Amino acid sequence: MSSMSGAAFLWAVKGTGAIAGSAISLVYILPKGRREAAARFAVGLVSGLVFGGTVGLKIAIELGIEDRLGAGELALMGSAAASLSAWWALGFLMRLLTRRRSGESALRDIERMTDDL
Protein backbone atom coordinates (compact mmCIF):
# COMPACT_ATOMS: atom_id res chain seq x y z
CA MET A 1 0.00 0.00 0.00
CA SER A 2 1.44 3.37 -0.94
CA SER A 3 1.32 6.33 1.36
CA MET A 4 0.45 9.87 0.32
CA SER A 5 3.23 12.44 0.31
CA GLY A 6 2.95 15.46 2.61
CA ALA A 7 2.19 17.86 -0.23
CA ALA A 8 -0.45 15.57 -1.74
CA PHE A 9 -2.04 15.15 1.68
CA LEU A 10 -2.27 18.92 2.18
CA TRP A 11 -3.80 19.40 -1.29
CA ALA A 12 -6.37 16.69 -0.51
CA VAL A 13 -7.19 18.29 2.83
CA LYS A 14 -7.48 21.74 1.25
CA GLY A 15 -9.78 20.32 -1.42
CA THR A 16 -11.96 18.65 1.21
CA GLY A 17 -12.23 21.87 3.21
CA ALA A 18 -12.97 23.94 0.10
CA ILE A 19 -15.71 21.53 -0.99
CA ALA A 20 -17.22 21.55 2.50
CA GLY A 21 -17.18 25.37 2.64
CA SER A 22 -18.74 25.62 -0.82
CA ALA A 23 -21.44 23.12 0.08
CA ILE A 24 -22.28 25.00 3.27
CA SER A 25 -22.54 28.29 1.38
CA LEU A 26 -24.89 26.68 -1.15
CA VAL A 27 -27.13 25.24 1.55
CA TYR A 28 -27.08 28.32 3.79
CA ILE A 29 -28.19 30.71 1.05
CA LEU A 30 -29.85 28.80 -1.77
CA PRO A 31 -28.78 29.81 -5.28
CA LYS A 32 -31.31 31.12 -7.78
CA GLY A 33 -30.34 28.65 -10.48
CA ARG A 34 -27.81 26.15 -11.76
CA ARG A 35 -25.50 28.80 -13.15
CA GLU A 36 -25.30 30.65 -9.83
CA ALA A 37 -24.78 27.37 -7.97
CA ALA A 38 -21.93 26.41 -10.28
CA ALA A 39 -20.33 29.85 -10.00
CA ARG A 40 -20.57 29.85 -6.21
CA PHE A 41 -19.14 26.35 -6.00
CA ALA A 42 -16.24 27.23 -8.31
CA VAL A 43 -15.43 30.46 -6.46
CA GLY A 44 -15.51 28.63 -3.13
CA LEU A 45 -13.37 25.78 -4.37
CA VAL A 46 -10.69 28.00 -5.89
CA SER A 47 -10.53 30.40 -2.94
CA GLY A 48 -10.35 27.50 -0.49
CA LEU A 49 -7.48 25.90 -2.39
CA VAL A 50 -5.57 29.16 -2.85
CA PHE A 51 -6.08 30.82 0.53
CA GLY A 52 -6.78 27.82 2.80
CA GLY A 53 -3.38 27.55 4.44
CA THR A 54 -3.03 31.26 5.10
CA VAL A 55 -6.56 31.64 6.45
CA GLY A 56 -6.16 28.58 8.68
CA LEU A 57 -2.93 29.93 10.14
CA LYS A 58 -4.48 33.37 10.74
CA ILE A 59 -7.50 31.86 12.50
CA ALA A 60 -5.28 29.65 14.66
CA ILE A 61 -3.03 32.58 15.62
CA GLU A 62 -6.01 34.74 16.52
CA LEU A 63 -7.41 31.94 18.69
CA GLY A 64 -3.98 31.20 20.20
CA ILE A 65 -4.05 27.53 19.18
CA GLU A 66 -1.47 27.46 16.38
CA ASP A 67 0.93 25.25 18.36
CA ARG A 68 -1.79 22.65 19.06
CA LEU A 69 -2.86 22.04 15.46
CA GLY A 70 -1.13 20.12 12.70
CA ALA A 71 -0.69 21.28 9.12
CA GLY A 72 -3.63 19.20 7.96
CA GLU A 73 -5.98 20.65 10.54
CA LEU A 74 -4.88 24.20 9.71
CA ALA A 75 -5.39 23.59 5.99
CA LEU A 76 -8.81 21.98 6.48
CA MET A 77 -10.05 24.74 8.77
CA GLY A 78 -8.65 27.51 6.60
CA SER A 79 -9.94 26.09 3.33
CA ALA A 80 -13.45 25.69 4.68
CA ALA A 81 -13.43 29.21 6.13
CA ALA A 82 -11.98 30.79 2.97
CA SER A 83 -14.43 28.92 0.77
CA LEU A 84 -17.42 29.87 2.88
CA SER A 85 -16.46 33.51 3.25
CA ALA A 86 -15.51 34.02 -0.41
CA TRP A 87 -19.08 33.97 -1.61
CA TRP A 88 -20.20 36.25 1.19
CA ALA A 89 -17.53 38.79 0.25
CA LEU A 90 -18.59 38.61 -3.40
CA GLY A 91 -22.23 38.96 -2.38
CA PHE A 92 -21.40 42.06 -0.37
CA LEU A 93 -19.52 43.53 -3.32
CA MET A 94 -22.36 42.74 -5.72
CA ARG A 95 -24.86 44.38 -3.37
CA LEU A 96 -22.74 47.52 -3.24
CA LEU A 97 -22.39 47.67 -7.01
CA THR A 98 -26.09 47.03 -7.61
CA ARG A 99 -27.15 49.78 -5.24
CA ARG A 100 -24.55 52.12 -6.62
CA ARG A 101 -25.93 51.62 -10.14
CA SER A 102 -29.42 52.36 -8.90
CA GLY A 103 -28.27 55.78 -7.63
CA GLU A 104 -27.70 55.15 -3.95
CA SER A 105 -24.46 56.34 -2.45
CA ALA A 106 -22.02 53.51 -1.83
CA LEU A 107 -20.73 55.31 1.26
CA ARG A 108 -24.25 55.48 2.74
CA ASP A 109 -24.67 51.79 2.00
CA ILE A 110 -21.44 50.87 3.79
CA GLU A 111 -22.41 53.01 6.79
CA ARG A 112 -25.78 51.25 7.07
CA MET A 113 -24.18 47.82 6.85
CA THR A 114 -21.53 48.59 9.46
CA ASP A 115 -24.11 50.07 11.83
CA ASP A 116 -25.75 46.64 11.98
CA LEU A 117 -22.51 45.09 13.27
C-alpha atoms as a PDB file:
ATOM      1  CA  MET A   1       0.000   0.000   0.000  1.00  0.00           C
ATOM      2  CA  SER A   2       1.442   3.366  -0.943  1.00  0.00           C
ATOM      3  CA  SER A   3       1.316   6.329   1.362  1.00  0.00           C
ATOM      4  CA  MET A   4       0.446   9.865   0.325  1.00  0.00           C
ATOM      5  CA  SER A   5       3.231  12.445   0.315  1.00  0.00           C
ATOM      6  CA  GLY A   6       2.952  15.457   2.612  1.00  0.00           C
ATOM      7  CA  ALA A   7       2.192  17.858  -0.229  1.00  0.00           C
ATOM      8  CA  ALA A   8      -0.451  15.572  -1.740  1.00  0.00           C
ATOM      9  CA  PHE A   9      -2.040  15.152   1.680  1.00  0.00           C
ATOM     10  CA  LEU A  10      -2.271  18.923   2.183  1.00  0.00           C
ATOM     11  CA  TRP A  11      -3.799  19.395  -1.288  1.00  0.00           C
ATOM     12  CA  ALA A  12      -6.371  16.692  -0.505  1.00  0.00           C
ATOM     13  CA  VAL A  13      -7.185  18.289   2.835  1.00  0.00           C
ATOM     14  CA  LYS A  14      -7.484  21.743   1.252  1.00  0.00           C
ATOM     15  CA  GLY A  15      -9.779  20.322  -1.416  1.00  0.00           C
ATOM     16  CA  THR A  16     -11.958  18.651   1.209  1.00  0.00           C
ATOM     17  CA  GLY A  17     -12.226  21.874   3.206  1.00  0.00           C
ATOM     18  CA  ALA A  18     -12.965  23.935   0.104  1.00  0.00           C
ATOM     19  CA  ILE A  19     -15.713  21.526  -0.993  1.00  0.00           C
ATOM     20  CA  ALA A  20     -17.215  21.554   2.499  1.00  0.00           C
ATOM     21  CA  GLY A  21     -17.183  25.369   2.644  1.00  0.00           C
ATOM     22  CA  SER A  22     -18.740  25.622  -0.818  1.00  0.00           C
ATOM     23  CA  ALA A  23     -21.440  23.115   0.085  1.00  0.00           C
ATOM     24  CA  ILE A  24     -22.283  25.001   3.270  1.00  0.00           C
ATOM     25  CA  SER A  25     -22.543  28.286   1.380  1.00  0.00           C
ATOM     26  CA  LEU A  26     -24.893  26.678  -1.154  1.00  0.00           C
ATOM     27  CA  VAL A  27     -27.125  25.245   1.550  1.00  0.00           C
ATOM     28  CA  TYR A  28     -27.083  28.319   3.786  1.00  0.00           C
ATOM     29  CA  ILE A  29     -28.190  30.714   1.049  1.00  0.00           C
ATOM     30  CA  LEU A  30     -29.850  28.804  -1.766  1.00  0.00           C
ATOM     31  CA  PRO A  31     -28.777  29.806  -5.279  1.00  0.00           C
ATOM     32  CA  LYS A  32     -31.310  31.120  -7.781  1.00  0.00           C
ATOM     33  CA  GLY A  33     -30.339  28.652 -10.482  1.00  0.00           C
ATOM     34  CA  ARG A  34     -27.808  26.150 -11.757  1.00  0.00           C
ATOM     35  CA  ARG A  35     -25.502  28.803 -13.149  1.00  0.00           C
ATOM     36  CA  GLU A  36     -25.304  30.647  -9.830  1.00  0.00           C
ATOM     37  CA  ALA A  37     -24.784  27.372  -7.967  1.00  0.00           C
ATOM     38  CA  ALA A  38     -21.931  26.409 -10.276  1.00  0.00           C
ATOM     39  CA  ALA A  39     -20.330  29.853  -9.998  1.00  0.00           C
ATOM     40  CA  ARG A  40     -20.566  29.845  -6.210  1.00  0.00           C
ATOM     41  CA  PHE A  41     -19.137  26.348  -5.997  1.00  0.00           C
ATOM     42  CA  ALA A  42     -16.240  27.227  -8.311  1.00  0.00           C
ATOM     43  CA  VAL A  43     -15.426  30.459  -6.456  1.00  0.00           C
ATOM     44  CA  GLY A  44     -15.511  28.632  -3.130  1.00  0.00           C
ATOM     45  CA  LEU A  45     -13.368  25.781  -4.373  1.00  0.00           C
ATOM     46  CA  VAL A  46     -10.687  28.004  -5.892  1.00  0.00           C
ATOM     47  CA  SER A  47     -10.533  30.397  -2.944  1.00  0.00           C
ATOM     48  CA  GLY A  48     -10.346  27.499  -0.490  1.00  0.00           C
ATOM     49  CA  LEU A  49      -7.483  25.898  -2.394  1.00  0.00           C
ATOM     50  CA  VAL A  50      -5.573  29.156  -2.849  1.00  0.00           C
ATOM     51  CA  PHE A  51      -6.080  30.824   0.532  1.00  0.00           C
ATOM     52  CA  GLY A  52      -6.778  27.821   2.800  1.00  0.00           C
ATOM     53  CA  GLY A  53      -3.376  27.545   4.437  1.00  0.00           C
ATOM     54  CA  THR A  54      -3.032  31.260   5.104  1.00  0.00           C
ATOM     55  CA  VAL A  55      -6.563  31.637   6.448  1.00  0.00           C
ATOM     56  CA  GLY A  56      -6.161  28.582   8.680  1.00  0.00           C
ATOM     57  CA  LEU A  57      -2.929  29.932  10.136  1.00  0.00           C
ATOM     58  CA  LYS A  58      -4.476  33.365  10.735  1.00  0.00           C
ATOM     59  CA  ILE A  59      -7.501  31.863  12.500  1.00  0.00           C
ATOM     60  CA  ALA A  60      -5.281  29.649  14.655  1.00  0.00           C
ATOM     61  CA  ILE A  61      -3.025  32.576  15.619  1.00  0.00           C
ATOM     62  CA  GLU A  62      -6.014  34.739  16.515  1.00  0.00           C
ATOM     63  CA  LEU A  63      -7.407  31.940  18.689  1.00  0.00           C
ATOM     64  CA  GLY A  64      -3.981  31.200  20.202  1.00  0.00           C
ATOM     65  CA  ILE A  65      -4.054  27.528  19.177  1.00  0.00           C
ATOM     66  CA  GLU A  66      -1.468  27.457  16.378  1.00  0.00           C
ATOM     67  CA  ASP A  67       0.929  25.248  18.364  1.00  0.00           C
ATOM     68  CA  ARG A  68      -1.793  22.655  19.057  1.00  0.00           C
ATOM     69  CA  LEU A  69      -2.858  22.039  15.459  1.00  0.00           C
ATOM     70  CA  GLY A  70      -1.126  20.123  12.700  1.00  0.00           C
ATOM     71  CA  ALA A  71      -0.688  21.283   9.123  1.00  0.00           C
ATOM     72  CA  GLY A  72      -3.635  19.196   7.955  1.00  0.00           C
ATOM     73  CA  GLU A  73      -5.979  20.653  10.538  1.00  0.00           C
ATOM     74  CA  LEU A  74      -4.881  24.197   9.712  1.00  0.00           C
ATOM     75  CA  ALA A  75      -5.388  23.593   5.987  1.00  0.00           C
ATOM     76  CA  LEU A  76      -8.805  21.985   6.477  1.00  0.00           C
ATOM     77  CA  MET A  77     -10.053  24.743   8.766  1.00  0.00           C
ATOM     78  CA  GLY A  78      -8.654  27.510   6.600  1.00  0.00           C
ATOM     79  CA  SER A  79      -9.943  26.088   3.330  1.00  0.00           C
ATOM     80  CA  ALA A  80     -13.454  25.687   4.679  1.00  0.00           C
ATOM     81  CA  ALA A  81     -13.431  29.214   6.127  1.00  0.00           C
ATOM     82  CA  ALA A  82     -11.980  30.793   2.974  1.00  0.00           C
ATOM     83  CA  SER A  83     -14.426  28.921   0.773  1.00  0.00           C
ATOM     84  CA  LEU A  84     -17.418  29.873   2.884  1.00  0.00           C
ATOM     85  CA  SER A  85     -16.461  33.510   3.249  1.00  0.00           C
ATOM     86  CA  ALA A  86     -15.511  34.021  -0.413  1.00  0.00           C
ATOM     87  CA  TRP A  87     -19.083  33.968  -1.613  1.00  0.00           C
ATOM     88  CA  TRP A  88     -20.201  36.248   1.193  1.00  0.00           C
ATOM     89  CA  ALA A  89     -17.529  38.789   0.247  1.00  0.00           C
ATOM     90  CA  LEU A  90     -18.592  38.610  -3.398  1.00  0.00           C
ATOM     91  CA  GLY A  91     -22.232  38.960  -2.380  1.00  0.00           C
ATOM     92  CA  PHE A  92     -21.405  42.056  -0.366  1.00  0.00           C
ATOM     93  CA  LEU A  93     -19.518  43.527  -3.324  1.00  0.00           C
ATOM     94  CA  MET A  94     -22.364  42.744  -5.721  1.00  0.00           C
ATOM     95  CA  ARG A  95     -24.864  44.383  -3.371  1.00  0.00           C
ATOM     96  CA  LEU A  96     -22.737  47.525  -3.244  1.00  0.00           C
ATOM     97  CA  LEU A  97     -22.387  47.673  -7.012  1.00  0.00           C
ATOM     98  CA  THR A  98     -26.094  47.028  -7.611  1.00  0.00           C
ATOM     99  CA  ARG A  99     -27.151  49.778  -5.242  1.00  0.00           C
ATOM    100  CA  ARG A 100     -24.553  52.124  -6.620  1.00  0.00           C
ATOM    101  CA  ARG A 101     -25.933  51.619 -10.140  1.00  0.00           C
ATOM    102  CA  SER A 102     -29.419  52.363  -8.896  1.00  0.00           C
ATOM    103  CA  GLY A 103     -28.269  55.779  -7.634  1.00  0.00           C
ATOM    104  CA  GLU A 104     -27.698  55.150  -3.949  1.00  0.00           C
ATOM    105  CA  SER A 105     -24.458  56.344  -2.450  1.00  0.00           C
ATOM    106  CA  ALA A 106     -22.018  53.510  -1.828  1.00  0.00           C
ATOM    107  CA  LEU A 107     -20.727  55.310   1.265  1.00  0.00           C
ATOM    108  CA  ARG A 108     -24.245  55.477   2.736  1.00  0.00           C
ATOM    109  CA  ASP A 109     -24.672  51.790   1.997  1.00  0.00           C
ATOM    110  CA  ILE A 110     -21.438  50.872   3.792  1.00  0.00           C
ATOM    111  CA  GLU A 111     -22.410  53.013   6.791  1.00  0.00           C
ATOM    112  CA  ARG A 112     -25.778  51.252   7.066  1.00  0.00           C
ATOM    113  CA  MET A 113     -24.176  47.818   6.851  1.00  0.00           C
ATOM    114  CA  THR A 114     -21.534  48.590   9.460  1.00  0.00           C
ATOM    115  CA  ASP A 115     -24.107  50.073  11.825  1.00  0.00           C
ATOM    116  CA  ASP A 116     -25.746  46.645  11.984  1.00  0.00           C
ATOM    117  CA  LEU A 117     -22.506  45.089  13.269  1.00  0.00           C
END
